[in-house]
Amino acid sequence: MPIPLKRLVNRLCQTLRDNLDRLCEPSAHMIFWFPIKHYPKVHDFLESLGADWAVNPVPPIWAKPGEGIIPRPEHDPRQCYEAAFFCTRGGLPIVQSVDNVRSAPTVKGRHMSEKPAEMLRHFFRMIMSEHTMMLDPTCGSGSALRAAQSLMARRVLGLEVNPEFAALARLALEGAEDLGGRRRGRARQTGEKW
């Protein structure tokens, strides 16, 4: 039986808080995707991680033209975007500045929340270099891992609680190589031994 989403998100946030120093370098970036209706709660959570983290209150936006949900069709506009908080730890500068809105169609067929590689690469250009080590603690089908690899990240690691999605991400990473012909990624199911 699947874990309810709210409980899963709470567990993810608590795990991040409990393991932050083990998961993140003293100088790091974090892109944290969230439902816009939870803006205040997520912002407060990220701010509570410590004084060494700066949370930009203006979120990067992924615009999904012609797609999205209408919570109450008789009252609400279509919600056709997703938002993320961009956080910096230890004053780490970005690699380059990019627009904070990117339009790209959704990806269908692999994972219900998959982000398109083109959109992820756009935002990752702010933070990726040949020195980047990236962790995606909710890697799904691995699209963020593959996008980071394509931008020459030194190492990528994805975690996924669903064994089917973890296997899908692992297969996709095994087939993806960076421009230098090296494979440097790994996806594993949460709880799996190294």
N, C-alpha and C. Protein backbone atom coordinates (compact mmCIF):
# COMPACT_ATOMS: atom_id res chain seq x y z
N MET A 1 0.83 -1.17 0.00
CA MET A 1 0.00 0.00 0.00
C MET A 1 0.89 1.25 0.00
N PRO A 2 0.65 2.21 -0.91
CA PRO A 2 1.50 3.40 -0.98
C PRO A 2 1.35 4.29 0.26
N ILE A 3 2.43 5.00 0.57
CA ILE A 3 2.43 5.93 1.70
C ILE A 3 1.68 7.19 1.27
N PRO A 4 0.76 7.72 2.09
CA PRO A 4 0.07 8.97 1.73
C PRO A 4 1.07 10.09 1.48
N LEU A 5 0.80 10.92 0.48
CA LEU A 5 1.73 11.97 0.05
C LEU A 5 2.13 12.90 1.20
N LYS A 6 1.18 13.35 1.99
CA LYS A 6 1.51 14.28 3.07
C LYS A 6 2.50 13.65 4.05
N ARG A 7 2.28 12.38 4.39
CA ARG A 7 3.20 11.69 5.31
C ARG A 7 4.57 11.51 4.67
N LEU A 8 4.58 11.21 3.38
CA LEU A 8 5.84 11.04 2.66
C LEU A 8 6.64 12.34 2.63
N VAL A 9 5.96 13.45 2.36
CA VAL A 9 6.64 14.76 2.32
C VAL A 9 7.16 15.12 3.70
N ASN A 10 6.36 14.91 4.74
CA ASN A 10 6.82 15.18 6.10
C ASN A 10 8.04 14.34 6.45
N ARG A 11 8.02 13.08 6.04
CA ARG A 11 9.16 12.18 6.30
C ARG A 11 10.40 12.65 5.55
N LEU A 12 10.22 13.08 4.30
CA LEU A 12 11.33 13.60 3.51
C LEU A 12 11.94 14.83 4.18
N CYS A 13 11.09 15.77 4.61
CA CYS A 13 11.58 16.98 5.26
C CYS A 13 12.31 16.67 6.56
N GLN A 14 11.78 15.77 7.36
CA GLN A 14 12.43 15.40 8.61
C GLN A 14 13.77 14.72 8.35
N THR A 15 13.82 13.86 7.33
CA THR A 15 15.07 13.19 6.98
C THR A 15 16.11 14.20 6.51
N LEU A 16 15.67 15.18 5.71
CA LEU A 16 16.58 16.23 5.27
C LEU A 16 17.14 16.99 6.47
N ARG A 17 16.26 17.40 7.38
CA ARG A 17 16.70 18.14 8.57
C ARG A 17 17.69 17.30 9.40
N ASP A 18 17.36 16.02 9.63
CA ASP A 18 18.18 15.16 10.48
C ASP A 18 19.54 14.83 9.86
N ASN A 19 19.63 14.85 8.53
CA ASN A 19 20.84 14.40 7.86
C ASN A 19 21.51 15.47 7.01
N LEU A 20 21.14 16.72 7.21
CA LEU A 20 21.60 17.79 6.35
C LEU A 20 23.12 17.86 6.24
N ASP A 21 23.82 17.75 7.35
CA ASP A 21 25.28 17.86 7.30
C ASP A 21 25.92 16.65 6.63
N ARG A 22 25.24 15.52 6.63
CA ARG A 22 25.77 14.35 5.93
C ARG A 22 25.43 14.41 4.44
N LEU A 23 24.32 15.06 4.07
CA LEU A 23 23.87 15.11 2.68
C LEU A 23 24.45 16.29 1.90
N CYS A 24 24.74 17.38 2.58
CA CYS A 24 25.16 18.61 1.89
C CYS A 24 26.52 19.08 2.39
N GLU A 25 27.31 19.56 1.46
CA GLU A 25 28.58 20.18 1.80
C GLU A 25 28.32 21.49 2.54
N PRO A 26 29.33 22.05 3.21
CA PRO A 26 29.16 23.35 3.87
C PRO A 26 28.81 24.47 2.89
N SER A 27 29.21 24.32 1.63
CA SER A 27 28.81 25.24 0.56
C SER A 27 28.02 24.42 -0.45
N ALA A 28 26.74 24.75 -0.63
CA ALA A 28 25.89 23.93 -1.49
C ALA A 28 24.72 24.75 -2.02
N HIS A 29 24.05 24.20 -3.03
CA HIS A 29 22.80 24.74 -3.54
C HIS A 29 21.72 23.67 -3.37
N MET A 30 20.47 24.12 -3.28
CA MET A 30 19.35 23.20 -3.22
C MET A 30 18.20 23.80 -4.03
N ILE A 31 17.59 22.99 -4.87
CA ILE A 31 16.36 23.35 -5.57
C ILE A 31 15.29 22.42 -5.04
N PHE A 32 14.27 23.01 -4.40
CA PHE A 32 13.25 22.24 -3.67
C PHE A 32 11.90 22.52 -4.30
N TRP A 33 11.37 21.57 -5.10
CA TRP A 33 10.07 21.72 -5.77
C TRP A 33 8.95 21.53 -4.76
N PHE A 34 7.88 22.31 -4.89
CA PHE A 34 6.79 22.24 -3.92
C PHE A 34 5.48 22.71 -4.57
N PRO A 35 4.34 22.26 -4.04
CA PRO A 35 3.04 22.80 -4.49
C PRO A 35 2.90 24.23 -3.99
N ILE A 36 2.53 25.15 -4.86
CA ILE A 36 2.49 26.57 -4.52
C ILE A 36 1.57 26.86 -3.34
N LYS A 37 0.54 26.06 -3.14
CA LYS A 37 -0.35 26.30 -2.00
C LYS A 37 0.36 26.09 -0.67
N HIS A 38 1.51 25.41 -0.70
CA HIS A 38 2.28 25.18 0.52
C HIS A 38 3.47 26.13 0.65
N TYR A 39 3.46 27.21 -0.12
CA TYR A 39 4.58 28.16 -0.11
C TYR A 39 5.00 28.54 1.32
N PRO A 40 4.10 29.08 2.16
CA PRO A 40 4.55 29.52 3.49
C PRO A 40 5.16 28.40 4.33
N LYS A 41 4.53 27.24 4.32
CA LYS A 41 5.00 26.13 5.14
C LYS A 41 6.38 25.64 4.67
N VAL A 42 6.56 25.50 3.36
CA VAL A 42 7.83 25.03 2.83
C VAL A 42 8.91 26.09 3.05
N HIS A 43 8.58 27.35 2.81
CA HIS A 43 9.55 28.42 3.02
C HIS A 43 10.02 28.44 4.47
N ASP A 44 9.07 28.35 5.41
CA ASP A 44 9.43 28.35 6.83
C ASP A 44 10.30 27.14 7.18
N PHE A 45 9.96 25.97 6.61
CA PHE A 45 10.77 24.78 6.86
C PHE A 45 12.20 25.00 6.37
N LEU A 46 12.37 25.49 5.14
CA LEU A 46 13.71 25.69 4.59
C LEU A 46 14.48 26.75 5.38
N GLU A 47 13.80 27.81 5.80
CA GLU A 47 14.44 28.84 6.63
C GLU A 47 14.91 28.26 7.96
N SER A 48 14.19 27.26 8.47
CA SER A 48 14.53 26.68 9.77
C SER A 48 15.76 25.76 9.72
N LEU A 49 16.28 25.50 8.52
CA LEU A 49 17.42 24.59 8.40
C LEU A 49 18.69 25.19 8.98
N GLY A 50 18.73 26.50 9.14
CA GLY A 50 19.89 27.11 9.78
C GLY A 50 20.31 28.40 9.11
N ALA A 51 21.07 29.18 9.87
CA ALA A 51 21.51 30.50 9.38
C ALA A 51 22.45 30.40 8.20
N ASP A 52 23.08 29.23 8.00
CA ASP A 52 24.00 29.11 6.87
C ASP A 52 23.27 28.88 5.54
N TRP A 53 21.93 28.71 5.59
CA TRP A 53 21.12 28.55 4.37
C TRP A 53 20.39 29.86 4.07
N ALA A 54 20.46 30.31 2.82
CA ALA A 54 19.68 31.46 2.35
C ALA A 54 18.63 30.93 1.39
N VAL A 55 17.38 31.28 1.63
CA VAL A 55 16.26 30.83 0.79
C VAL A 55 15.77 32.02 -0.02
N ASN A 56 15.89 31.93 -1.35
CA ASN A 56 15.40 33.00 -2.21
C ASN A 56 13.87 32.94 -2.20
N PRO A 57 13.20 34.04 -1.80
CA PRO A 57 11.74 34.00 -1.72
C PRO A 57 11.03 34.04 -3.09
N VAL A 58 11.78 34.34 -4.15
CA VAL A 58 11.20 34.38 -5.50
C VAL A 58 11.53 33.05 -6.18
N PRO A 59 10.53 32.16 -6.31
CA PRO A 59 10.82 30.80 -6.79
C PRO A 59 11.04 30.72 -8.30
N PRO A 60 11.96 29.84 -8.73
CA PRO A 60 11.97 29.48 -10.15
C PRO A 60 10.63 28.83 -10.50
N ILE A 61 10.14 29.09 -11.69
CA ILE A 61 8.83 28.61 -12.13
C ILE A 61 8.98 27.79 -13.40
N TRP A 62 8.36 26.62 -13.42
CA TRP A 62 8.24 25.81 -14.63
C TRP A 62 6.82 26.02 -15.13
N ALA A 63 6.68 26.72 -16.26
CA ALA A 63 5.38 26.95 -16.88
C ALA A 63 5.07 25.80 -17.82
N LYS A 64 3.84 25.26 -17.70
CA LYS A 64 3.40 24.12 -18.50
C LYS A 64 2.21 24.60 -19.36
N PRO A 65 2.49 25.20 -20.52
CA PRO A 65 1.41 25.80 -21.31
C PRO A 65 0.31 24.80 -21.70
N GLY A 66 -0.94 25.20 -21.45
CA GLY A 66 -2.08 24.37 -21.84
C GLY A 66 -2.30 23.15 -20.99
N GLU A 67 -1.52 22.98 -19.95
CA GLU A 67 -1.65 21.81 -19.10
C GLU A 67 -1.87 22.28 -17.67
N GLY A 68 -2.13 21.38 -16.79
CA GLY A 68 -2.29 21.73 -15.39
C GLY A 68 -3.63 21.27 -14.85
N ILE A 69 -3.92 21.72 -13.65
CA ILE A 69 -5.16 21.31 -12.99
C ILE A 69 -6.04 22.52 -12.72
N ILE A 70 -7.33 22.27 -12.66
CA ILE A 70 -8.30 23.29 -12.28
C ILE A 70 -8.98 22.77 -11.02
N PRO A 71 -8.56 23.25 -9.84
CA PRO A 71 -9.11 22.70 -8.59
C PRO A 71 -10.64 22.81 -8.51
N ARG A 72 -11.17 23.97 -8.87
CA ARG A 72 -12.62 24.17 -8.86
C ARG A 72 -12.98 24.82 -10.19
N PRO A 73 -13.34 24.04 -11.20
CA PRO A 73 -13.54 24.57 -12.55
C PRO A 73 -14.50 25.75 -12.64
N GLU A 74 -15.47 25.82 -11.76
CA GLU A 74 -16.43 26.93 -11.84
C GLU A 74 -15.91 28.20 -11.17
N HIS A 75 -14.72 28.14 -10.50
CA HIS A 75 -14.22 29.30 -9.76
C HIS A 75 -12.76 29.64 -10.03
N ASP A 76 -11.94 28.68 -10.42
CA ASP A 76 -10.49 28.88 -10.43
C ASP A 76 -9.89 28.85 -11.83
N PRO A 77 -8.79 29.58 -12.02
CA PRO A 77 -8.05 29.45 -13.28
C PRO A 77 -7.24 28.15 -13.26
N ARG A 78 -6.82 27.74 -14.43
CA ARG A 78 -5.98 26.54 -14.55
C ARG A 78 -4.62 26.84 -13.90
N GLN A 79 -4.15 25.93 -13.08
CA GLN A 79 -2.82 26.05 -12.47
C GLN A 79 -1.84 25.30 -13.37
N CYS A 80 -1.12 26.05 -14.18
CA CYS A 80 -0.26 25.42 -15.20
C CYS A 80 1.21 25.72 -14.95
N TYR A 81 1.63 25.61 -13.71
CA TYR A 81 3.04 25.82 -13.39
C TYR A 81 3.39 25.06 -12.12
N GLU A 82 4.69 24.89 -11.93
CA GLU A 82 5.22 24.36 -10.68
C GLU A 82 6.31 25.31 -10.22
N ALA A 83 6.52 25.35 -8.91
CA ALA A 83 7.49 26.27 -8.33
C ALA A 83 8.52 25.50 -7.51
N ALA A 84 9.67 26.14 -7.33
CA ALA A 84 10.74 25.56 -6.51
C ALA A 84 11.39 26.68 -5.71
N PHE A 85 11.92 26.35 -4.56
CA PHE A 85 12.74 27.30 -3.84
C PHE A 85 14.19 27.05 -4.23
N PHE A 86 14.92 28.14 -4.45
CA PHE A 86 16.35 28.06 -4.72
C PHE A 86 17.06 28.49 -3.45
N CYS A 87 17.87 27.60 -2.90
CA CYS A 87 18.54 27.84 -1.63
C CYS A 87 20.05 27.75 -1.81
N THR A 88 20.76 28.51 -1.01
CA THR A 88 22.22 28.51 -1.05
C THR A 88 22.74 28.33 0.37
N ARG A 89 23.71 27.47 0.50
CA ARG A 89 24.34 27.24 1.81
C ARG A 89 25.77 27.74 1.76
N GLY A 90 26.17 28.44 2.80
CA GLY A 90 27.55 28.90 2.90
C GLY A 90 27.94 29.96 1.89
N GLY A 91 26.97 30.67 1.32
CA GLY A 91 27.27 31.75 0.39
C GLY A 91 27.83 31.31 -0.95
N LEU A 92 27.62 30.05 -1.32
CA LEU A 92 28.15 29.54 -2.59
C LEU A 92 27.56 30.32 -3.77
N PRO A 93 28.40 30.92 -4.62
CA PRO A 93 27.87 31.66 -5.77
C PRO A 93 27.33 30.72 -6.84
N ILE A 94 26.47 31.26 -7.68
CA ILE A 94 25.97 30.47 -8.81
C ILE A 94 27.00 30.48 -9.93
N VAL A 95 26.86 29.55 -10.86
CA VAL A 95 27.76 29.46 -12.01
C VAL A 95 27.37 30.51 -13.04
N GLN A 96 26.06 30.67 -13.29
CA GLN A 96 25.56 31.69 -14.19
C GLN A 96 24.12 31.99 -13.86
N SER A 97 23.69 33.21 -14.18
CA SER A 97 22.32 33.60 -13.93
C SER A 97 21.44 33.16 -15.10
N VAL A 98 20.23 32.71 -14.80
CA VAL A 98 19.28 32.32 -15.83
C VAL A 98 17.92 32.93 -15.48
N ASP A 99 17.01 32.97 -16.45
CA ASP A 99 15.65 33.44 -16.19
C ASP A 99 15.00 32.55 -15.15
N ASN A 100 14.13 33.14 -14.31
CA ASN A 100 13.51 32.33 -13.26
C ASN A 100 12.20 31.68 -13.71
N VAL A 101 11.83 31.81 -14.99
CA VAL A 101 10.66 31.13 -15.54
C VAL A 101 11.11 30.39 -16.80
N ARG A 102 10.69 29.14 -16.90
CA ARG A 102 10.99 28.35 -18.10
C ARG A 102 9.73 27.61 -18.51
N SER A 103 9.38 27.72 -19.77
CA SER A 103 8.21 27.03 -20.31
C SER A 103 8.66 25.76 -21.01
N ALA A 104 8.00 24.66 -20.66
CA ALA A 104 8.31 23.37 -21.28
C ALA A 104 7.13 22.44 -21.05
N PRO A 105 6.78 21.64 -22.05
CA PRO A 105 5.67 20.70 -21.87
C PRO A 105 6.02 19.62 -20.85
N THR A 106 5.00 19.04 -20.26
CA THR A 106 5.22 17.94 -19.32
C THR A 106 5.70 16.71 -20.07
N VAL A 107 6.29 15.80 -19.33
CA VAL A 107 6.75 14.52 -19.87
C VAL A 107 5.75 13.48 -19.41
N LYS A 108 5.26 12.69 -20.34
CA LYS A 108 4.26 11.68 -19.98
C LYS A 108 4.80 10.28 -20.23
N GLY A 109 4.39 9.36 -19.37
CA GLY A 109 4.69 7.96 -19.65
C GLY A 109 5.64 7.27 -18.71
N ARG A 110 6.57 8.00 -18.07
CA ARG A 110 7.52 7.32 -17.20
C ARG A 110 7.18 7.47 -15.72
N HIS A 111 6.87 8.70 -15.31
CA HIS A 111 6.61 8.99 -13.90
C HIS A 111 5.61 10.13 -13.82
N MET A 112 4.71 10.09 -12.86
CA MET A 112 3.64 11.07 -12.77
C MET A 112 4.11 12.49 -12.47
N SER A 113 5.32 12.65 -11.93
CA SER A 113 5.83 13.99 -11.61
C SER A 113 7.12 14.31 -12.34
N GLU A 114 7.39 13.62 -13.42
CA GLU A 114 8.66 13.82 -14.12
C GLU A 114 8.77 15.24 -14.68
N LYS A 115 9.93 15.81 -14.49
CA LYS A 115 10.23 17.14 -15.00
C LYS A 115 10.97 16.97 -16.34
N PRO A 116 10.68 17.83 -17.33
CA PRO A 116 11.37 17.71 -18.62
C PRO A 116 12.85 18.09 -18.51
N ALA A 117 13.70 17.33 -19.18
CA ALA A 117 15.15 17.53 -19.10
C ALA A 117 15.54 18.94 -19.55
N GLU A 118 14.89 19.47 -20.57
CA GLU A 118 15.23 20.80 -21.08
C GLU A 118 15.01 21.86 -20.00
N MET A 119 13.91 21.77 -19.28
CA MET A 119 13.62 22.72 -18.21
C MET A 119 14.61 22.56 -17.06
N LEU A 120 14.89 21.32 -16.68
CA LEU A 120 15.84 21.08 -15.59
C LEU A 120 17.23 21.60 -15.96
N ARG A 121 17.68 21.34 -17.19
CA ARG A 121 19.00 21.84 -17.61
C ARG A 121 19.04 23.37 -17.52
N HIS A 122 17.93 24.02 -17.90
CA HIS A 122 17.89 25.48 -17.83
C HIS A 122 18.20 25.96 -16.41
N PHE A 123 17.49 25.43 -15.40
CA PHE A 123 17.73 25.86 -14.03
C PHE A 123 19.06 25.34 -13.48
N PHE A 124 19.45 24.14 -13.87
CA PHE A 124 20.71 23.57 -13.39
C PHE A 124 21.92 24.34 -13.89
N ARG A 125 21.79 25.07 -15.01
CA ARG A 125 22.92 25.87 -15.50
C ARG A 125 23.38 26.89 -14.46
N MET A 126 22.48 27.24 -13.53
CA MET A 126 22.86 28.16 -12.45
C MET A 126 23.90 27.54 -11.52
N ILE A 127 23.88 26.23 -11.39
CA ILE A 127 24.64 25.59 -10.31
C ILE A 127 25.58 24.47 -10.73
N MET A 128 25.47 23.98 -11.97
CA MET A 128 26.25 22.81 -12.37
C MET A 128 27.61 23.19 -12.95
N SER A 129 28.61 22.43 -12.53
CA SER A 129 29.95 22.51 -13.10
C SER A 129 30.57 21.12 -13.02
N GLU A 130 31.79 21.01 -13.47
CA GLU A 130 32.47 19.71 -13.41
C GLU A 130 32.79 19.31 -11.97
N HIS A 131 32.57 20.20 -11.01
CA HIS A 131 32.82 19.90 -9.59
C HIS A 131 31.54 19.52 -8.83
N THR A 132 30.39 19.64 -9.49
CA THR A 132 29.11 19.44 -8.81
C THR A 132 28.87 17.98 -8.46
N MET A 133 28.45 17.75 -7.21
CA MET A 133 27.94 16.46 -6.77
C MET A 133 26.47 16.71 -6.43
N MET A 134 25.57 15.98 -7.10
CA MET A 134 24.14 16.24 -6.94
C MET A 134 23.44 15.05 -6.33
N LEU A 135 22.55 15.34 -5.37
CA LEU A 135 21.68 14.34 -4.75
C LEU A 135 20.25 14.71 -5.09
N ASP A 136 19.49 13.75 -5.62
CA ASP A 136 18.05 13.93 -5.81
C ASP A 136 17.38 12.89 -4.92
N PRO A 137 16.83 13.32 -3.75
CA PRO A 137 16.26 12.37 -2.81
C PRO A 137 14.89 11.84 -3.20
N THR A 138 14.34 12.33 -4.30
CA THR A 138 13.05 11.84 -4.83
C THR A 138 13.21 11.70 -6.33
N CYS A 139 14.11 10.84 -6.77
CA CYS A 139 14.55 10.86 -8.17
C CYS A 139 13.54 10.32 -9.17
N GLY A 140 12.49 9.64 -8.74
CA GLY A 140 11.50 9.16 -9.71
C GLY A 140 12.15 8.38 -10.83
N SER A 141 11.97 8.84 -12.06
CA SER A 141 12.56 8.14 -13.21
C SER A 141 13.98 8.61 -13.53
N GLY A 142 14.52 9.53 -12.74
CA GLY A 142 15.91 9.94 -12.91
C GLY A 142 16.15 11.09 -13.87
N SER A 143 15.13 11.84 -14.25
CA SER A 143 15.32 12.91 -15.24
C SER A 143 16.28 13.99 -14.74
N ALA A 144 16.22 14.34 -13.45
CA ALA A 144 17.14 15.35 -12.92
C ALA A 144 18.57 14.83 -12.92
N LEU A 145 18.74 13.55 -12.65
CA LEU A 145 20.08 12.96 -12.65
C LEU A 145 20.67 12.99 -14.06
N ARG A 146 19.85 12.64 -15.05
CA ARG A 146 20.34 12.66 -16.43
C ARG A 146 20.62 14.09 -16.89
N ALA A 147 19.80 15.05 -16.48
CA ALA A 147 20.04 16.45 -16.85
C ALA A 147 21.35 16.94 -16.24
N ALA A 148 21.61 16.57 -14.98
CA ALA A 148 22.86 16.97 -14.33
C ALA A 148 24.06 16.33 -15.01
N GLN A 149 23.93 15.06 -15.39
CA GLN A 149 25.01 14.39 -16.11
C GLN A 149 25.31 15.10 -17.42
N SER A 150 24.26 15.51 -18.13
CA SER A 150 24.47 16.15 -19.43
C SER A 150 25.19 17.50 -19.29
N LEU A 151 25.15 18.09 -18.09
CA LEU A 151 25.86 19.34 -17.83
C LEU A 151 27.20 19.10 -17.14
N MET A 152 27.66 17.85 -17.18
CA MET A 152 28.98 17.46 -16.72
C MET A 152 29.16 17.47 -15.20
N ALA A 153 28.09 17.26 -14.44
CA ALA A 153 28.23 17.13 -13.00
C ALA A 153 29.22 16.01 -12.69
N ARG A 154 30.02 16.20 -11.67
CA ARG A 154 31.03 15.20 -11.32
C ARG A 154 30.40 13.89 -10.87
N ARG A 155 29.33 14.00 -10.09
CA ARG A 155 28.68 12.79 -9.57
C ARG A 155 27.21 13.09 -9.30
N VAL A 156 26.34 12.13 -9.58
CA VAL A 156 24.92 12.26 -9.28
C VAL A 156 24.46 11.02 -8.53
N LEU A 157 23.55 11.24 -7.58
CA LEU A 157 22.98 10.14 -6.81
C LEU A 157 21.50 10.41 -6.64
N GLY A 158 20.69 9.42 -6.95
CA GLY A 158 19.25 9.54 -6.77
C GLY A 158 18.74 8.49 -5.80
N LEU A 159 17.78 8.88 -4.99
CA LEU A 159 17.11 7.96 -4.07
C LEU A 159 15.64 7.91 -4.44
N GLU A 160 15.03 6.75 -4.32
CA GLU A 160 13.61 6.59 -4.67
C GLU A 160 13.01 5.50 -3.81
N VAL A 161 11.83 5.76 -3.21
CA VAL A 161 11.18 4.77 -2.36
C VAL A 161 10.45 3.70 -3.15
N ASN A 162 10.02 4.01 -4.37
CA ASN A 162 9.28 3.06 -5.20
C ASN A 162 10.27 2.20 -5.98
N PRO A 163 10.29 0.88 -5.77
CA PRO A 163 11.28 0.03 -6.43
C PRO A 163 11.16 0.03 -7.96
N GLU A 164 9.95 0.16 -8.49
CA GLU A 164 9.80 0.19 -9.95
C GLU A 164 10.43 1.44 -10.54
N PHE A 165 10.21 2.59 -9.90
CA PHE A 165 10.80 3.83 -10.39
C PHE A 165 12.31 3.83 -10.19
N ALA A 166 12.78 3.26 -9.07
CA ALA A 166 14.23 3.17 -8.84
C ALA A 166 14.89 2.35 -9.95
N ALA A 167 14.26 1.26 -10.33
CA ALA A 167 14.80 0.42 -11.42
C ALA A 167 14.79 1.18 -12.74
N LEU A 168 13.72 1.91 -13.02
CA LEU A 168 13.63 2.71 -14.24
C LEU A 168 14.73 3.77 -14.28
N ALA A 169 14.94 4.45 -13.17
CA ALA A 169 16.00 5.47 -13.10
C ALA A 169 17.37 4.83 -13.29
N ARG A 170 17.58 3.69 -12.67
CA ARG A 170 18.86 2.99 -12.80
C ARG A 170 19.14 2.63 -14.25
N LEU A 171 18.13 2.08 -14.94
CA LEU A 171 18.30 1.73 -16.36
C LEU A 171 18.59 2.95 -17.21
N ALA A 172 17.87 4.05 -16.96
CA ALA A 172 18.08 5.26 -17.74
C ALA A 172 19.48 5.82 -17.52
N LEU A 173 19.96 5.76 -16.28
CA LEU A 173 21.31 6.26 -16.00
C LEU A 173 22.38 5.37 -16.61
N GLU A 174 22.15 4.07 -16.62
CA GLU A 174 23.11 3.16 -17.22
C GLU A 174 23.26 3.43 -18.72
N GLY A 175 22.17 3.87 -19.34
CA GLY A 175 22.21 4.16 -20.77
C GLY A 175 22.69 5.56 -21.10
N ALA A 176 22.76 6.43 -20.12
CA ALA A 176 23.18 7.81 -20.34
C ALA A 176 24.66 7.97 -20.05
N GLU A 177 25.33 8.66 -20.92
CA GLU A 177 26.75 8.97 -20.71
C GLU A 177 26.92 10.47 -20.88
N ASP A 178 27.90 11.01 -20.16
CA ASP A 178 28.18 12.42 -20.34
C ASP A 178 29.00 12.61 -21.61
N LEU A 179 29.34 13.84 -21.92
CA LEU A 179 30.05 14.14 -23.16
C LEU A 179 31.44 13.53 -23.21
N GLY A 180 32.00 13.20 -22.06
CA GLY A 180 33.31 12.56 -22.01
C GLY A 180 33.23 11.05 -22.10
N GLY A 181 32.04 10.49 -22.23
CA GLY A 181 31.88 9.05 -22.35
C GLY A 181 31.92 8.31 -21.03
N ARG A 182 31.88 9.05 -19.91
CA ARG A 182 31.95 8.39 -18.60
C ARG A 182 30.57 8.32 -17.99
N ARG A 183 30.30 7.26 -17.28
CA ARG A 183 29.06 7.13 -16.52
C ARG A 183 29.39 7.48 -15.07
N ARG A 184 28.62 8.42 -14.50
CA ARG A 184 28.94 8.82 -13.14
C ARG A 184 27.68 8.97 -12.31
N GLY A 185 26.70 8.17 -12.54
CA GLY A 185 25.46 8.33 -11.79
C GLY A 185 25.03 7.03 -11.16
N ARG A 186 24.16 7.16 -10.16
CA ARG A 186 23.64 5.98 -9.51
C ARG A 186 22.27 6.31 -8.95
N ALA A 187 21.35 5.38 -9.13
CA ALA A 187 20.02 5.50 -8.52
C ALA A 187 19.81 4.24 -7.70
N ARG A 188 19.23 4.43 -6.53
CA ARG A 188 18.97 3.25 -5.70
C ARG A 188 17.66 3.44 -4.97
N GLN A 189 17.08 2.31 -4.64
CA GLN A 189 15.85 2.33 -3.85
C GLN A 189 16.24 2.67 -2.42
N THR A 190 15.46 3.54 -1.78
CA THR A 190 15.72 3.90 -0.39
C THR A 190 15.74 2.63 0.44
N GLY A 191 16.75 2.48 1.26
CA GLY A 191 16.89 1.30 2.11
C GLY A 191 17.81 0.24 1.49
N GLU A 192 18.12 0.36 0.20
CA GLU A 192 18.98 -0.59 -0.48
C GLU A 192 20.41 -0.43 0.01
N LYS A 193 21.11 -1.52 0.17
CA LYS A 193 22.52 -1.47 0.61
C LYS A 193 23.40 -1.02 -0.54
N TRP A 194 24.48 -0.30 -0.20
CA TRP A 194 25.42 0.14 -1.24
C TRP A 194 26.17 -1.05 -1.67
